[in-house]
Amino acid sequence: MAAVIPNVTTETLRGVVTRTIEKGSAVSTDELVSYNLLKKDGYDHHAVSHTKKQWRKYSYRRNEYHHTNRVVLEPV
């Protein structure tokens, strides 16, 4: 499912995330400050820093790469 989100404020993103993503899920984003809500709200958040030319990040704990180049949806 794709949708237009009216803005990227923390509160707007919180509403979208809590309606569409199961708590505890791994979520990969860029470094937008509004995404800081994810860890606080119980998600396994991993961010890449495009400003530092970082395009993917490896998580040793989860044995997986995190990036923002595609969306992978798994059934809940």
C-alpha atoms as a PDB file:
ATOM      1  CA  MET A   1       0.000   0.000   0.000  1.00  0.00           C
ATOM      2  CA  ALA A   2       1.321   3.419  -0.908  1.00  0.00           C
ATOM      3  CA  ALA A   3      -0.187   6.669   0.304  1.00  0.00           C
ATOM      4  CA  VAL A   4       0.490  10.376   0.221  1.00  0.00           C
ATOM      5  CA  ILE A   5       1.364  11.658   3.690  1.00  0.00           C
ATOM      6  CA  PRO A   6       0.472  15.340   4.180  1.00  0.00           C
ATOM      7  CA  ASN A   7       3.651  16.220   6.111  1.00  0.00           C
ATOM      8  CA  VAL A   8       6.581  14.608   7.891  1.00  0.00           C
ATOM      9  CA  THR A   9       6.032  15.890  11.415  1.00  0.00           C
ATOM     10  CA  THR A  10       6.515  13.424  14.242  1.00  0.00           C
ATOM     11  CA  GLU A  11       2.820  13.323  15.098  1.00  0.00           C
ATOM     12  CA  THR A  12       1.725  12.715  11.507  1.00  0.00           C
ATOM     13  CA  LEU A  13       4.294   9.951  11.053  1.00  0.00           C
ATOM     14  CA  ARG A  14       3.368   8.405  14.412  1.00  0.00           C
ATOM     15  CA  GLY A  15      -0.237   8.029  13.273  1.00  0.00           C
ATOM     16  CA  VAL A  16       0.733   6.426   9.967  1.00  0.00           C
ATOM     17  CA  VAL A  17       3.282   4.095  11.566  1.00  0.00           C
ATOM     18  CA  THR A  18       1.070   2.875  14.397  1.00  0.00           C
ATOM     19  CA  ARG A  19      -1.790   2.151  11.956  1.00  0.00           C
ATOM     20  CA  THR A  20       0.336   0.260   9.431  1.00  0.00           C
ATOM     21  CA  ILE A  21       3.362  -1.323  11.123  1.00  0.00           C
ATOM     22  CA  GLU A  22       3.309  -3.932  13.880  1.00  0.00           C
ATOM     23  CA  LYS A  23       5.189  -2.950  17.073  1.00  0.00           C
ATOM     24  CA  GLY A  24       8.584  -4.633  17.290  1.00  0.00           C
ATOM     25  CA  SER A  25       9.030  -4.649  13.495  1.00  0.00           C
ATOM     26  CA  ALA A  26      12.361  -3.622  12.012  1.00  0.00           C
ATOM     27  CA  VAL A  27      11.982  -0.285  10.212  1.00  0.00           C
ATOM     28  CA  SER A  28      14.676   1.206   7.967  1.00  0.00           C
ATOM     29  CA  THR A  29      14.653   4.948   7.278  1.00  0.00           C
ATOM     30  CA  ASP A  30      16.916   7.824   6.426  1.00  0.00           C
ATOM     31  CA  GLU A  31      18.074  10.259   9.108  1.00  0.00           C
ATOM     32  CA  LEU A  32      14.976  12.474   9.202  1.00  0.00           C
ATOM     33  CA  VAL A  33      14.606  13.605  12.842  1.00  0.00           C
ATOM     34  CA  SER A  34      10.880  12.834  12.874  1.00  0.00           C
ATOM     35  CA  TYR A  35      11.711   9.123  12.664  1.00  0.00           C
ATOM     36  CA  ASN A  36      13.219   9.238  16.168  1.00  0.00           C
ATOM     37  CA  LEU A  37       9.743   8.338  17.388  1.00  0.00           C
ATOM     38  CA  LEU A  38      10.193   4.771  16.145  1.00  0.00           C
ATOM     39  CA  LYS A  39      12.499   3.445  18.882  1.00  0.00           C
ATOM     40  CA  LYS A  40      10.539   5.301  21.552  1.00  0.00           C
ATOM     41  CA  ASP A  41       7.298   3.727  20.272  1.00  0.00           C
ATOM     42  CA  GLY A  42       8.618   0.146  20.321  1.00  0.00           C
ATOM     43  CA  TYR A  43       9.994  -0.390  16.816  1.00  0.00           C
ATOM     44  CA  ASP A  44      13.429  -1.779  15.886  1.00  0.00           C
ATOM     45  CA  HIS A  45      14.593   1.374  14.079  1.00  0.00           C
ATOM     46  CA  HIS A  46      17.689   1.521  11.863  1.00  0.00           C
ATOM     47  CA  ALA A  47      18.627   4.730  10.050  1.00  0.00           C
ATOM     48  CA  VAL A  48      21.114   5.369   7.278  1.00  0.00           C
ATOM     49  CA  SER A  49      22.685   8.783   6.947  1.00  0.00           C
ATOM     50  CA  HIS A  50      22.494   9.934   3.361  1.00  0.00           C
ATOM     51  CA  THR A  51      24.193  13.221   4.307  1.00  0.00           C
ATOM     52  CA  LYS A  52      27.235  11.122   5.283  1.00  0.00           C
ATOM     53  CA  LYS A  53      26.919   9.183   1.999  1.00  0.00           C
ATOM     54  CA  GLN A  54      25.811   6.092   3.894  1.00  0.00           C
ATOM     55  CA  TRP A  55      23.462   4.034   1.719  1.00  0.00           C
ATOM     56  CA  ARG A  56      23.162   0.883   3.789  1.00  0.00           C
ATOM     57  CA  LYS A  57      23.951  -0.197   7.315  1.00  0.00           C
ATOM     58  CA  TYR A  58      24.609  -3.711   8.615  1.00  0.00           C
ATOM     59  CA  SER A  59      22.965  -4.867  11.836  1.00  0.00           C
ATOM     60  CA  TYR A  60      25.063  -7.574  13.473  1.00  0.00           C
ATOM     61  CA  ARG A  61      22.302  -8.199  16.010  1.00  0.00           C
ATOM     62  CA  ARG A  62      19.747  -8.967  13.278  1.00  0.00           C
ATOM     63  CA  ASN A  63      22.256 -10.216  10.649  1.00  0.00           C
ATOM     64  CA  GLU A  64      20.750  -8.002   7.953  1.00  0.00           C
ATOM     65  CA  TYR A  65      21.327  -4.833   5.985  1.00  0.00           C
ATOM     66  CA  HIS A  66      19.131  -1.762   6.367  1.00  0.00           C
ATOM     67  CA  HIS A  67      18.619   0.741   3.555  1.00  0.00           C
ATOM     68  CA  THR A  68      15.891   2.858   1.993  1.00  0.00           C
ATOM     69  CA  ASN A  69      16.174   1.637  -1.598  1.00  0.00           C
ATOM     70  CA  ARG A  70      13.103  -0.599  -1.519  1.00  0.00           C
ATOM     71  CA  VAL A  71      10.196  -1.622   0.635  1.00  0.00           C
ATOM     72  CA  VAL A  72       9.813  -5.222   1.722  1.00  0.00           C
ATOM     73  CA  LEU A  73       6.483  -6.111   3.253  1.00  0.00           C
ATOM     74  CA  GLU A  74       6.101  -9.314   5.204  1.00  0.00           C
ATOM     75  CA  PRO A  75       2.701 -10.651   6.259  1.00  0.00           C
ATOM     76  CA  VAL A  76       1.811 -10.094   9.905  1.00  0.00           C
END
